[in-house]
Amino acid sequence: MSDEMSFPEKLVGVFTHPRSTFEAITERDLTRGFLVVLLVAIMGGIASARYVSRMDLSSLPLIGQFPVDTSTITGGLGVVLGVITGIRTVTGWLIPALIIYIMARLSTGGGGFKRLLAQMGFASAPLLIQQALRLIDAYVTQGILDVGLLQTGILKAGLPLRILNQTLNVLNLFSLVVMGLMVVAASVTFKSSKRKMALIVATSYVVFIVLRALILV
C-alpha cells in the first residue's frame, strides 16, 4: 500500500491489511487518529446518556419518597455519564499508549510517540462498530431499564472487587480486537517482534485497569 493512503483507506485498512496500513500511518496522521477516538467518545457518550434517560429512578429509596420529576434527574445524570464515558474513551487511548511507549522504548530504544498515538487512534476503529451497535440498541429498543446498576455500591467496594469490575468494563470482544491491532502497530513502530509487543500491550492494559480501579474513572 502507498504512504499516500486516504483517511478512509487507512480506516478500512486496519481491518483488511493491518500491518501495511500501520506502516503507512505516520505522526502526520495524529489528528486523524485522534478523530477516530473522538468519534468513539462522542458515540459512546450519547449512547450512555440515552440509556440513563430510560431508567426509572422512582425505585431508588431517596427519590421514591419525594414528588420529584425523575426525567430532570435522569437528564442530568445522562449528561454526567456521557462526559465520563468520553473521558474514559480518551484515557483508554492515551494511558495505554504512553505505557506501551515507555516500555517499548526502554526495550528497543526506537519509535516515536506521536506516530504510536496516531496508530493507536486508528487501532481504535473496531470501537466505532461497538458504539454504533450501542447507539442502535439505545434508541431502537423500547422499555424502561433496570436502575440496579446505580445501586451496586461499587464505590464502597474493596480494591480487588473494583479491579474485577474495571476488568469486565474494559475487556470485551471489541477491545480484544483493538489490543491485537495495537500489537501489530507497536511491532511496526518499534521494529520488534509481535510476541514482545503482545506482552507489553497486555501489561499496559493491566496497569490501566488497576489505575481505573484506584481512581474509578
N, C-alpha and C. Protein backbone atom coordinates (compact mmCIF):
# COMPACT_ATOMS: atom_id res chain seq x y z
N MET A 1 0.83 -1.19 0.00
CA MET A 1 0.00 0.00 0.00
C MET A 1 0.87 1.25 0.00
N SER A 2 0.35 2.31 -0.57
CA SER A 2 1.07 3.56 -0.68
C SER A 2 1.00 4.33 0.62
N ASP A 3 2.06 5.17 0.85
CA ASP A 3 2.06 6.04 2.01
C ASP A 3 1.03 7.14 1.87
N GLU A 4 0.49 7.31 0.67
CA GLU A 4 -0.49 8.36 0.42
C GLU A 4 -1.92 7.85 0.57
N MET A 5 -2.10 6.85 1.35
CA MET A 5 -3.45 6.34 1.58
C MET A 5 -4.32 7.43 2.18
N SER A 6 -5.57 7.49 1.78
CA SER A 6 -6.50 8.46 2.33
C SER A 6 -6.96 8.02 3.71
N PHE A 7 -7.63 8.93 4.42
CA PHE A 7 -8.15 8.62 5.75
C PHE A 7 -9.10 7.42 5.72
N PRO A 8 -10.10 7.39 4.80
CA PRO A 8 -10.98 6.21 4.75
C PRO A 8 -10.23 4.92 4.42
N GLU A 9 -9.22 5.02 3.55
CA GLU A 9 -8.45 3.82 3.19
C GLU A 9 -7.69 3.28 4.40
N LYS A 10 -7.15 4.18 5.20
CA LYS A 10 -6.43 3.73 6.40
C LYS A 10 -7.39 3.17 7.44
N LEU A 11 -8.58 3.77 7.51
CA LEU A 11 -9.57 3.30 8.47
C LEU A 11 -10.03 1.89 8.12
N VAL A 12 -10.22 1.63 6.84
CA VAL A 12 -10.62 0.29 6.40
C VAL A 12 -9.42 -0.65 6.42
N GLY A 13 -8.25 -0.11 6.11
CA GLY A 13 -7.04 -0.92 6.02
C GLY A 13 -6.62 -1.59 7.31
N VAL A 14 -6.96 -0.98 8.46
CA VAL A 14 -6.59 -1.61 9.73
C VAL A 14 -7.32 -2.94 9.91
N PHE A 15 -8.44 -3.10 9.21
CA PHE A 15 -9.18 -4.37 9.25
C PHE A 15 -8.70 -5.35 8.19
N THR A 16 -8.43 -4.82 6.99
CA THR A 16 -8.12 -5.70 5.85
C THR A 16 -6.62 -6.00 5.69
N HIS A 17 -5.78 -4.98 5.90
CA HIS A 17 -4.33 -5.15 5.78
C HIS A 17 -3.65 -4.37 6.90
N PRO A 18 -3.79 -4.85 8.14
CA PRO A 18 -3.32 -4.06 9.28
C PRO A 18 -1.85 -3.68 9.25
N ARG A 19 -0.97 -4.63 8.97
CA ARG A 19 0.46 -4.31 9.06
C ARG A 19 0.87 -3.26 8.04
N SER A 20 0.50 -3.45 6.78
CA SER A 20 0.89 -2.48 5.76
C SER A 20 0.21 -1.13 5.99
N THR A 21 -0.98 -1.16 6.58
CA THR A 21 -1.67 0.10 6.88
C THR A 21 -0.96 0.85 8.00
N PHE A 22 -0.57 0.14 9.06
CA PHE A 22 0.14 0.80 10.15
C PHE A 22 1.51 1.30 9.69
N GLU A 23 2.11 0.61 8.73
CA GLU A 23 3.37 1.09 8.18
C GLU A 23 3.18 2.41 7.45
N ALA A 24 1.98 2.61 6.89
CA ALA A 24 1.69 3.85 6.15
C ALA A 24 1.26 4.99 7.06
N ILE A 25 0.93 4.68 8.31
CA ILE A 25 0.50 5.71 9.25
C ILE A 25 1.73 6.33 9.91
N THR A 26 1.84 7.66 9.82
CA THR A 26 2.96 8.39 10.40
C THR A 26 2.45 9.38 11.44
N GLU A 27 3.36 10.13 12.03
CA GLU A 27 2.96 11.12 13.04
C GLU A 27 2.10 12.21 12.43
N ARG A 28 2.14 12.38 11.12
CA ARG A 28 1.27 13.37 10.46
C ARG A 28 -0.20 12.96 10.54
N ASP A 29 -0.45 11.70 10.86
CA ASP A 29 -1.82 11.20 10.98
C ASP A 29 -2.37 11.31 12.40
N LEU A 30 -1.65 12.01 13.29
CA LEU A 30 -2.08 12.08 14.69
C LEU A 30 -3.47 12.71 14.82
N THR A 31 -3.71 13.78 14.07
CA THR A 31 -5.02 14.43 14.14
C THR A 31 -6.12 13.48 13.68
N ARG A 32 -5.86 12.72 12.62
CA ARG A 32 -6.85 11.77 12.12
C ARG A 32 -7.06 10.63 13.11
N GLY A 33 -5.97 10.19 13.72
CA GLY A 33 -6.11 9.14 14.73
C GLY A 33 -6.93 9.60 15.91
N PHE A 34 -6.69 10.85 16.33
CA PHE A 34 -7.48 11.41 17.43
C PHE A 34 -8.94 11.56 17.03
N LEU A 35 -9.19 11.86 15.75
CA LEU A 35 -10.57 11.99 15.27
C LEU A 35 -11.33 10.68 15.45
N VAL A 36 -10.66 9.55 15.20
CA VAL A 36 -11.29 8.24 15.40
C VAL A 36 -11.68 8.08 16.87
N VAL A 37 -10.74 8.41 17.76
CA VAL A 37 -11.00 8.30 19.20
C VAL A 37 -12.13 9.24 19.60
N LEU A 38 -12.13 10.46 19.05
CA LEU A 38 -13.16 11.43 19.38
C LEU A 38 -14.54 10.95 18.94
N LEU A 39 -14.62 10.35 17.77
CA LEU A 39 -15.89 9.81 17.29
C LEU A 39 -16.39 8.69 18.21
N VAL A 40 -15.48 7.84 18.64
CA VAL A 40 -15.84 6.77 19.57
C VAL A 40 -16.36 7.37 20.87
N ALA A 41 -15.68 8.41 21.36
CA ALA A 41 -16.07 9.06 22.62
C ALA A 41 -17.45 9.70 22.51
N ILE A 42 -17.70 10.39 21.40
CA ILE A 42 -18.99 11.06 21.22
C ILE A 42 -20.12 10.05 21.11
N MET A 43 -19.91 9.02 20.29
CA MET A 43 -20.94 7.99 20.12
C MET A 43 -21.21 7.27 21.44
N GLY A 44 -20.14 6.94 22.17
CA GLY A 44 -20.30 6.26 23.45
C GLY A 44 -21.01 7.14 24.47
N GLY A 45 -20.68 8.44 24.48
CA GLY A 45 -21.32 9.35 25.40
C GLY A 45 -22.81 9.50 25.14
N ILE A 46 -23.18 9.61 23.86
CA ILE A 46 -24.59 9.74 23.50
C ILE A 46 -25.36 8.47 23.89
N ALA A 47 -24.77 7.31 23.60
CA ALA A 47 -25.43 6.04 23.94
C ALA A 47 -25.62 5.92 25.45
N SER A 48 -24.60 6.26 26.22
CA SER A 48 -24.69 6.16 27.68
C SER A 48 -25.77 7.09 28.22
N ALA A 49 -25.81 8.32 27.69
CA ALA A 49 -26.82 9.28 28.13
C ALA A 49 -28.22 8.77 27.82
N ARG A 50 -28.37 8.16 26.66
CA ARG A 50 -29.68 7.62 26.26
C ARG A 50 -30.11 6.49 27.19
N TYR A 51 -29.17 5.61 27.54
CA TYR A 51 -29.50 4.50 28.44
C TYR A 51 -29.99 5.04 29.79
N VAL A 52 -29.29 6.05 30.31
CA VAL A 52 -29.69 6.61 31.60
C VAL A 52 -31.07 7.25 31.51
N SER A 53 -31.37 7.90 30.39
CA SER A 53 -32.67 8.56 30.24
C SER A 53 -33.83 7.57 30.27
N ARG A 54 -33.54 6.29 30.03
CA ARG A 54 -34.58 5.27 30.02
C ARG A 54 -34.72 4.55 31.36
N MET A 55 -33.97 4.98 32.35
CA MET A 55 -34.04 4.35 33.66
C MET A 55 -35.17 4.93 34.50
N ASP A 56 -35.80 4.09 35.28
CA ASP A 56 -36.85 4.51 36.20
C ASP A 56 -36.24 4.69 37.58
N LEU A 57 -35.99 5.95 37.93
CA LEU A 57 -35.32 6.23 39.19
C LEU A 57 -36.28 6.24 40.38
N SER A 58 -37.56 6.10 40.12
CA SER A 58 -38.53 6.15 41.22
C SER A 58 -38.37 5.00 42.21
N SER A 59 -37.67 3.93 41.77
CA SER A 59 -37.45 2.79 42.66
C SER A 59 -36.32 3.03 43.65
N LEU A 60 -35.54 4.10 43.43
CA LEU A 60 -34.48 4.42 44.38
C LEU A 60 -35.12 4.96 45.66
N PRO A 61 -34.69 4.50 46.85
CA PRO A 61 -35.32 4.89 48.11
C PRO A 61 -35.45 6.39 48.32
N LEU A 62 -34.36 7.13 48.12
CA LEU A 62 -34.37 8.56 48.40
C LEU A 62 -35.25 9.33 47.43
N ILE A 63 -35.32 8.86 46.18
CA ILE A 63 -36.10 9.57 45.17
C ILE A 63 -37.57 9.19 45.24
N GLY A 64 -37.85 7.92 45.49
CA GLY A 64 -39.22 7.44 45.51
C GLY A 64 -40.08 8.05 46.61
N GLN A 65 -39.43 8.61 47.65
CA GLN A 65 -40.18 9.18 48.77
C GLN A 65 -40.64 10.60 48.51
N PHE A 66 -40.16 11.24 47.45
CA PHE A 66 -40.48 12.64 47.20
C PHE A 66 -41.10 12.81 45.81
N PRO A 67 -42.00 13.78 45.67
CA PRO A 67 -42.64 14.05 44.37
C PRO A 67 -41.74 14.87 43.45
N VAL A 68 -40.71 14.24 42.90
CA VAL A 68 -39.78 14.95 42.03
C VAL A 68 -39.92 14.45 40.60
N ASP A 69 -39.53 15.30 39.66
CA ASP A 69 -39.56 14.94 38.25
C ASP A 69 -38.30 14.14 37.93
N THR A 70 -38.44 12.82 37.84
CA THR A 70 -37.27 11.97 37.62
C THR A 70 -36.65 12.19 36.24
N SER A 71 -37.42 12.69 35.28
CA SER A 71 -36.87 12.92 33.95
C SER A 71 -35.78 13.99 33.99
N THR A 72 -35.95 14.97 34.87
CA THR A 72 -34.92 16.01 35.04
C THR A 72 -33.65 15.41 35.61
N ILE A 73 -33.83 14.52 36.59
CA ILE A 73 -32.67 13.88 37.22
C ILE A 73 -31.94 12.99 36.23
N THR A 74 -32.70 12.16 35.49
CA THR A 74 -32.06 11.27 34.52
C THR A 74 -31.38 12.06 33.42
N GLY A 75 -31.96 13.21 33.07
CA GLY A 75 -31.32 14.05 32.05
C GLY A 75 -29.96 14.54 32.51
N GLY A 76 -29.90 15.00 33.77
CA GLY A 76 -28.63 15.46 34.33
C GLY A 76 -27.62 14.33 34.48
N LEU A 77 -28.12 13.18 34.96
CA LEU A 77 -27.23 12.02 35.11
C LEU A 77 -26.71 11.56 33.75
N GLY A 78 -27.58 11.65 32.74
CA GLY A 78 -27.17 11.24 31.40
C GLY A 78 -26.03 12.08 30.88
N VAL A 79 -26.09 13.40 31.11
CA VAL A 79 -25.02 14.29 30.67
C VAL A 79 -23.72 13.95 31.39
N VAL A 80 -23.83 13.74 32.70
CA VAL A 80 -22.64 13.41 33.50
C VAL A 80 -22.02 12.11 33.03
N LEU A 81 -22.86 11.08 32.86
CA LEU A 81 -22.35 9.77 32.43
C LEU A 81 -21.78 9.85 31.01
N GLY A 82 -22.40 10.67 30.16
CA GLY A 82 -21.89 10.83 28.81
C GLY A 82 -20.50 11.44 28.81
N VAL A 83 -20.29 12.45 29.66
CA VAL A 83 -18.97 13.07 29.77
C VAL A 83 -17.95 12.08 30.32
N ILE A 84 -18.37 11.31 31.35
CA ILE A 84 -17.47 10.31 31.93
C ILE A 84 -17.08 9.27 30.89
N THR A 85 -18.06 8.85 30.09
CA THR A 85 -17.78 7.87 29.03
C THR A 85 -16.76 8.43 28.04
N GLY A 86 -16.91 9.70 27.69
CA GLY A 86 -15.96 10.32 26.78
C GLY A 86 -14.56 10.37 27.37
N ILE A 87 -14.49 10.73 28.66
CA ILE A 87 -13.18 10.79 29.33
C ILE A 87 -12.54 9.41 29.37
N ARG A 88 -13.35 8.40 29.66
CA ARG A 88 -12.82 7.02 29.70
C ARG A 88 -12.27 6.61 28.34
N THR A 89 -12.95 7.02 27.29
CA THR A 89 -12.50 6.66 25.95
C THR A 89 -11.16 7.29 25.63
N VAL A 90 -11.02 8.58 25.93
CA VAL A 90 -9.77 9.28 25.63
C VAL A 90 -8.63 8.75 26.50
N THR A 91 -8.90 8.53 27.80
CA THR A 91 -7.85 7.99 28.66
C THR A 91 -7.49 6.56 28.26
N GLY A 92 -8.48 5.84 27.73
CA GLY A 92 -8.23 4.48 27.26
C GLY A 92 -7.35 4.45 26.02
N TRP A 93 -7.21 5.59 25.37
CA TRP A 93 -6.30 5.74 24.23
C TRP A 93 -4.93 6.24 24.70
N LEU A 94 -4.94 7.28 25.52
CA LEU A 94 -3.70 7.93 25.91
C LEU A 94 -2.85 7.10 26.88
N ILE A 95 -3.48 6.61 27.95
CA ILE A 95 -2.70 5.96 29.01
C ILE A 95 -2.03 4.67 28.54
N PRO A 96 -2.77 3.72 27.92
CA PRO A 96 -2.07 2.53 27.41
C PRO A 96 -0.99 2.87 26.40
N ALA A 97 -1.25 3.86 25.53
CA ALA A 97 -0.25 4.25 24.53
C ALA A 97 1.01 4.77 25.21
N LEU A 98 0.84 5.56 26.27
CA LEU A 98 2.00 6.09 26.98
C LEU A 98 2.79 4.97 27.67
N ILE A 99 2.08 4.03 28.28
CA ILE A 99 2.75 2.90 28.94
C ILE A 99 3.48 2.05 27.92
N ILE A 100 2.81 1.78 26.80
CA ILE A 100 3.43 0.99 25.73
C ILE A 100 4.69 1.69 25.23
N TYR A 101 4.60 3.00 25.04
CA TYR A 101 5.75 3.76 24.53
C TYR A 101 6.93 3.67 25.48
N ILE A 102 6.67 3.88 26.78
CA ILE A 102 7.76 3.86 27.76
C ILE A 102 8.41 2.47 27.81
N MET A 103 7.58 1.43 27.89
CA MET A 103 8.13 0.08 27.99
C MET A 103 8.85 -0.33 26.71
N ALA A 104 8.24 -0.04 25.56
CA ALA A 104 8.86 -0.43 24.28
C ALA A 104 10.11 0.38 24.01
N ARG A 105 10.09 1.64 24.39
CA ARG A 105 11.27 2.50 24.21
C ARG A 105 12.45 1.97 25.02
N LEU A 106 12.17 1.57 26.26
CA LEU A 106 13.23 1.02 27.10
C LEU A 106 13.73 -0.31 26.56
N SER A 107 12.81 -1.05 25.93
CA SER A 107 13.15 -2.38 25.43
C SER A 107 13.88 -2.34 24.09
N THR A 108 13.47 -1.41 23.21
CA THR A 108 14.02 -1.40 21.85
C THR A 108 14.88 -0.18 21.55
N GLY A 109 14.63 0.92 22.25
CA GLY A 109 15.41 2.13 22.02
C GLY A 109 14.95 2.97 20.85
N GLY A 110 13.89 2.56 20.14
CA GLY A 110 13.42 3.31 18.98
C GLY A 110 11.96 3.65 19.08
N GLY A 111 11.42 4.21 17.99
CA GLY A 111 9.99 4.51 17.94
C GLY A 111 9.65 5.92 18.38
N GLY A 112 8.61 6.50 17.76
CA GLY A 112 8.17 7.84 18.10
C GLY A 112 6.80 7.83 18.74
N PHE A 113 6.61 8.69 19.75
CA PHE A 113 5.35 8.70 20.50
C PHE A 113 4.19 9.21 19.66
N LYS A 114 4.41 10.26 18.86
CA LYS A 114 3.33 10.81 18.05
C LYS A 114 2.83 9.79 17.03
N ARG A 115 3.76 9.06 16.41
CA ARG A 115 3.35 8.05 15.46
C ARG A 115 2.58 6.93 16.15
N LEU A 116 3.05 6.54 17.33
CA LEU A 116 2.36 5.49 18.08
C LEU A 116 0.95 5.93 18.44
N LEU A 117 0.79 7.19 18.89
CA LEU A 117 -0.53 7.70 19.22
C LEU A 117 -1.46 7.67 18.01
N ALA A 118 -0.91 8.07 16.86
CA ALA A 118 -1.71 8.05 15.63
C ALA A 118 -2.15 6.63 15.30
N GLN A 119 -1.22 5.69 15.42
CA GLN A 119 -1.54 4.29 15.13
C GLN A 119 -2.57 3.74 16.12
N MET A 120 -2.42 4.09 17.40
CA MET A 120 -3.36 3.62 18.40
C MET A 120 -4.75 4.20 18.17
N GLY A 121 -4.79 5.43 17.62
CA GLY A 121 -6.07 6.02 17.27
C GLY A 121 -6.78 5.21 16.20
N PHE A 122 -6.05 4.86 15.16
CA PHE A 122 -6.63 4.05 14.08
C PHE A 122 -6.93 2.64 14.57
N ALA A 123 -6.14 2.15 15.52
CA ALA A 123 -6.40 0.81 16.08
C ALA A 123 -7.70 0.77 16.86
N SER A 124 -8.22 1.95 17.21
CA SER A 124 -9.50 2.03 17.94
C SER A 124 -10.70 1.91 17.02
N ALA A 125 -10.47 1.75 15.71
CA ALA A 125 -11.56 1.68 14.74
C ALA A 125 -12.63 0.64 15.08
N PRO A 126 -12.28 -0.54 15.59
CA PRO A 126 -13.33 -1.51 15.95
C PRO A 126 -14.33 -0.97 16.97
N LEU A 127 -13.89 -0.02 17.79
CA LEU A 127 -14.79 0.55 18.79
C LEU A 127 -15.88 1.40 18.15
N LEU A 128 -15.64 1.88 16.92
CA LEU A 128 -16.69 2.59 16.19
C LEU A 128 -17.88 1.67 15.94
N ILE A 129 -17.57 0.42 15.62
CA ILE A 129 -18.63 -0.57 15.40
C ILE A 129 -19.36 -0.86 16.71
N GLN A 130 -18.59 -1.03 17.77
CA GLN A 130 -19.19 -1.30 19.08
C GLN A 130 -20.13 -0.17 19.49
N GLN A 131 -19.68 1.07 19.37
CA GLN A 131 -20.51 2.20 19.80
C GLN A 131 -21.69 2.42 18.86
N ALA A 132 -21.53 2.09 17.59
CA ALA A 132 -22.67 2.18 16.66
C ALA A 132 -23.76 1.20 17.08
N LEU A 133 -23.35 0.00 17.48
CA LEU A 133 -24.31 -1.00 17.95
C LEU A 133 -24.99 -0.54 19.24
N ARG A 134 -24.22 0.09 20.13
CA ARG A 134 -24.81 0.61 21.37
C ARG A 134 -25.82 1.72 21.08
N LEU A 135 -25.49 2.58 20.12
CA LEU A 135 -26.41 3.66 19.75
C LEU A 135 -27.72 3.09 19.21
N ILE A 136 -27.58 2.10 18.34
CA ILE A 136 -28.78 1.47 17.77
C ILE A 136 -29.63 0.85 18.88
N ASP A 137 -28.97 0.13 19.77
CA ASP A 137 -29.69 -0.52 20.88
C ASP A 137 -30.34 0.52 21.79
N ALA A 138 -29.62 1.61 22.06
CA ALA A 138 -30.12 2.63 22.97
C ALA A 138 -31.37 3.32 22.45
N TYR A 139 -31.44 3.51 21.13
CA TYR A 139 -32.54 4.27 20.55
C TYR A 139 -33.64 3.40 19.94
N VAL A 140 -33.29 2.19 19.52
CA VAL A 140 -34.29 1.35 18.85
C VAL A 140 -35.08 0.51 19.84
N THR A 141 -34.39 -0.09 20.80
CA THR A 141 -35.10 -0.93 21.77
C THR A 141 -35.95 -0.07 22.69
N GLN A 142 -37.05 -0.63 23.13
CA GLN A 142 -38.00 0.10 23.96
C GLN A 142 -38.00 -0.44 25.39
N GLY A 143 -38.65 0.29 26.26
CA GLY A 143 -38.81 -0.18 27.64
C GLY A 143 -37.95 0.58 28.63
N ILE A 144 -38.31 0.43 29.89
CA ILE A 144 -37.59 1.07 30.98
C ILE A 144 -36.46 0.14 31.44
N LEU A 145 -35.28 0.70 31.61
CA LEU A 145 -34.14 -0.10 32.03
C LEU A 145 -34.09 -0.21 33.56
N ASP A 146 -33.52 -1.32 34.01
CA ASP A 146 -33.36 -1.55 35.45
C ASP A 146 -32.36 -0.56 36.03
N VAL A 147 -32.71 0.06 37.12
CA VAL A 147 -31.84 1.04 37.75
C VAL A 147 -30.82 0.37 38.67
N GLY A 148 -30.81 -0.94 38.70
CA GLY A 148 -29.93 -1.68 39.61
C GLY A 148 -28.47 -1.32 39.48
N LEU A 149 -28.01 -0.96 38.27
CA LEU A 149 -26.60 -0.64 38.07
C LEU A 149 -26.17 0.57 38.89
N LEU A 150 -27.15 1.43 39.22
CA LEU A 150 -26.81 2.60 40.01
C LEU A 150 -26.80 2.30 41.51
N GLN A 151 -27.13 1.07 41.88
CA GLN A 151 -27.22 0.71 43.28
C GLN A 151 -26.22 -0.39 43.66
N THR A 152 -25.20 -0.60 42.86
CA THR A 152 -24.27 -1.70 43.09
C THR A 152 -23.35 -1.46 44.28
N GLY A 153 -23.16 -0.18 44.65
CA GLY A 153 -22.26 0.12 45.75
C GLY A 153 -20.81 -0.11 45.39
N ILE A 154 -20.49 -0.03 44.11
CA ILE A 154 -19.11 -0.32 43.68
C ILE A 154 -18.13 0.69 44.25
N LEU A 155 -18.61 1.93 44.53
CA LEU A 155 -17.71 2.94 45.08
C LEU A 155 -17.21 2.54 46.47
N LYS A 156 -18.01 1.73 47.19
CA LYS A 156 -17.64 1.31 48.54
C LYS A 156 -16.92 -0.03 48.53
N ALA A 157 -16.78 -0.64 47.38
CA ALA A 157 -16.18 -1.97 47.30
C ALA A 157 -14.67 -1.88 47.53
N GLY A 158 -14.10 -3.03 47.90
CA GLY A 158 -12.66 -3.09 48.07
C GLY A 158 -11.94 -3.08 46.73
N LEU A 159 -10.62 -2.88 46.79
CA LEU A 159 -9.83 -2.77 45.56
C LEU A 159 -9.94 -4.01 44.67
N PRO A 160 -9.86 -5.23 45.22
CA PRO A 160 -9.97 -6.41 44.34
C PRO A 160 -11.28 -6.44 43.55
N LEU A 161 -12.39 -6.09 44.21
CA LEU A 161 -13.68 -6.08 43.51
C LEU A 161 -13.73 -4.97 42.46
N ARG A 162 -13.13 -3.82 42.78
CA ARG A 162 -13.10 -2.72 41.82
C ARG A 162 -12.25 -3.10 40.61
N ILE A 163 -11.15 -3.81 40.84
CA ILE A 163 -10.31 -4.26 39.73
C ILE A 163 -11.09 -5.23 38.84
N LEU A 164 -11.82 -6.15 39.48
CA LEU A 164 -12.65 -7.09 38.72
C LEU A 164 -13.69 -6.34 37.90
N ASN A 165 -14.34 -5.36 38.52
CA ASN A 165 -15.37 -4.58 37.83
C ASN A 165 -14.79 -3.84 36.63
N GLN A 166 -13.62 -3.23 36.82
CA GLN A 166 -12.99 -2.49 35.73
C GLN A 166 -12.50 -3.44 34.62
N THR A 167 -12.06 -4.62 35.02
CA THR A 167 -11.65 -5.61 34.02
C THR A 167 -12.82 -5.98 33.12
N LEU A 168 -13.98 -6.20 33.73
CA LEU A 168 -15.17 -6.54 32.96
C LEU A 168 -15.62 -5.37 32.09
N ASN A 169 -15.39 -4.13 32.56
CA ASN A 169 -15.77 -2.95 31.80
C ASN A 169 -14.85 -2.73 30.60
N VAL A 170 -13.56 -3.00 30.80
CA VAL A 170 -12.56 -2.70 29.77
C VAL A 170 -12.46 -3.80 28.72
N LEU A 171 -12.46 -5.06 29.17
CA LEU A 171 -12.20 -6.16 28.25
C LEU A 171 -13.49 -6.74 27.68
N ASN A 172 -13.59 -6.73 26.37
CA ASN A 172 -14.70 -7.35 25.65
C ASN A 172 -14.19 -7.74 24.27
N LEU A 173 -15.04 -8.29 23.44
CA LEU A 173 -14.62 -8.75 22.11
C LEU A 173 -13.97 -7.63 21.32
N PHE A 174 -14.58 -6.44 21.34
CA PHE A 174 -14.07 -5.33 20.54
C PHE A 174 -12.72 -4.83 21.07
N SER A 175 -12.59 -4.73 22.39
CA SER A 175 -11.33 -4.25 22.96
C SER A 175 -10.20 -5.26 22.73
N LEU A 176 -10.53 -6.54 22.69
CA LEU A 176 -9.51 -7.56 22.40
C LEU A 176 -9.02 -7.43 20.96
N VAL A 177 -9.93 -7.10 20.04
CA VAL A 177 -9.51 -6.85 18.66
C VAL A 177 -8.62 -5.63 18.60
N VAL A 178 -8.99 -4.58 19.35
CA VAL A 178 -8.17 -3.37 19.41
C VAL A 178 -6.78 -3.70 19.94
N MET A 179 -6.70 -4.51 20.98
CA MET A 179 -5.41 -4.89 21.54
C MET A 179 -4.57 -5.64 20.52
N GLY A 180 -5.22 -6.50 19.73
CA GLY A 180 -4.49 -7.21 18.68
C GLY A 180 -3.92 -6.24 17.65
N LEU A 181 -4.71 -5.23 17.27
CA LEU A 181 -4.23 -4.23 16.33
C LEU A 181 -3.10 -3.39 16.94
N MET A 182 -3.20 -3.12 18.24
CA MET A 182 -2.16 -2.37 18.92
C MET A 182 -0.84 -3.13 18.91
N VAL A 183 -0.91 -4.44 19.03
CA VAL A 183 0.30 -5.27 18.97
C VAL A 183 0.97 -5.12 17.61
N VAL A 184 0.17 -5.17 16.55
CA VAL A 184 0.72 -5.01 15.20
C VAL A 184 1.32 -3.62 15.04
N ALA A 185 0.58 -2.61 15.49
CA ALA A 185 1.05 -1.23 15.36
C ALA A 185 2.36 -1.02 16.11
N ALA A 186 2.44 -1.52 17.34
CA ALA A 186 3.66 -1.34 18.15
C ALA A 186 4.83 -2.08 17.53
N SER A 187 4.58 -3.26 16.96
CA SER A 187 5.67 -4.02 16.33
C SER A 187 6.21 -3.28 15.11
N VAL A 188 5.34 -2.51 14.44
CA VAL A 188 5.77 -1.71 13.29
C VAL A 188 6.57 -0.49 13.77
N THR A 189 6.03 0.21 14.76
CA THR A 189 6.68 1.42 15.25
C THR A 189 8.05 1.15 15.85
N PHE A 190 8.15 0.09 16.63
CA PHE A 190 9.39 -0.19 17.35
C PHE A 190 10.23 -1.28 16.67
N LYS A 191 9.75 -1.73 15.49
CA LYS A 191 10.51 -2.73 14.73
C LYS A 191 10.92 -3.90 15.62
N SER A 192 9.93 -4.44 16.30
CA SER A 192 10.18 -5.54 17.22
C SER A 192 9.20 -6.67 16.95
N SER A 193 9.38 -7.79 17.63
CA SER A 193 8.54 -8.95 17.41
C SER A 193 7.15 -8.74 17.99
N LYS A 194 6.16 -9.41 17.40
CA LYS A 194 4.79 -9.32 17.91
C LYS A 194 4.69 -9.92 19.31
N ARG A 195 5.48 -10.95 19.57
CA ARG A 195 5.42 -11.59 20.88
C ARG A 195 5.83 -10.61 21.98
N LYS A 196 6.92 -9.89 21.74
CA LYS A 196 7.37 -8.92 22.74
C LYS A 196 6.35 -7.80 22.90
N MET A 197 5.81 -7.32 21.78
CA MET A 197 4.83 -6.23 21.84
C MET A 197 3.51 -6.70 22.47
N ALA A 198 3.17 -7.96 22.27
CA ALA A 198 1.95 -8.50 22.88
C ALA A 198 2.07 -8.47 24.40
N LEU A 199 3.24 -8.82 24.91
CA LEU A 199 3.48 -8.79 26.35
C LEU A 199 3.39 -7.35 26.88
N ILE A 200 3.96 -6.42 26.12
CA ILE A 200 3.94 -5.01 26.53
C ILE A 200 2.52 -4.45 26.50
N VAL A 201 1.77 -4.77 25.44
CA VAL A 201 0.39 -4.28 25.34
C VAL A 201 -0.46 -4.86 26.47
N ALA A 202 -0.30 -6.15 26.74
CA ALA A 202 -1.07 -6.78 27.82
C ALA A 202 -0.73 -6.13 29.16
N THR A 203 0.56 -5.87 29.39
CA THR A 203 0.98 -5.22 30.63
C THR A 203 0.38 -3.82 30.75
N SER A 204 0.34 -3.10 29.64
CA SER A 204 -0.21 -1.73 29.65
C SER A 204 -1.67 -1.74 30.06
N TYR A 205 -2.41 -2.75 29.63
CA TYR A 205 -3.82 -2.83 29.98
C TYR A 205 -4.02 -3.24 31.43
N VAL A 206 -3.14 -4.09 31.94
CA VAL A 206 -3.21 -4.46 33.35
C VAL A 206 -3.01 -3.21 34.21
N VAL A 207 -1.99 -2.43 33.87
CA VAL A 207 -1.72 -1.19 34.61
C VAL A 207 -2.90 -0.23 34.47
N PHE A 208 -3.44 -0.11 33.27
CA PHE A 208 -4.56 0.80 33.02
C PHE A 208 -5.79 0.40 33.84
N ILE A 209 -6.07 -0.88 33.90
CA ILE A 209 -7.23 -1.37 34.67
C ILE A 209 -7.05 -1.10 36.15
N VAL A 210 -5.85 -1.32 36.67
CA VAL A 210 -5.59 -1.05 38.09
C VAL A 210 -5.72 0.45 38.38
N LEU A 211 -5.22 1.29 37.49
CA LEU A 211 -5.35 2.74 37.66
C LEU A 211 -6.81 3.16 37.67
N ARG A 212 -7.61 2.60 36.77
CA ARG A 212 -9.04 2.91 36.74
C ARG A 212 -9.72 2.47 38.02
N ALA A 213 -9.31 1.32 38.55
CA ALA A 213 -9.90 0.83 39.80
C ALA A 213 -9.54 1.74 40.97
N LEU A 214 -8.33 2.29 40.93
CA LEU A 214 -7.87 3.16 42.03
C LEU A 214 -8.56 4.52 42.02
N ILE A 215 -8.78 5.07 40.80
CA ILE A 215 -9.37 6.40 40.71
C ILE A 215 -10.80 6.37 40.25
N LEU A 216 -11.31 5.16 39.86
CA LEU A 216 -12.69 4.99 39.42
C LEU A 216 -13.08 5.93 38.30
N VAL A 217 -12.26 5.97 37.25
CA VAL A 217 -12.57 6.76 36.05
C VAL A 217 -12.91 5.84 34.92
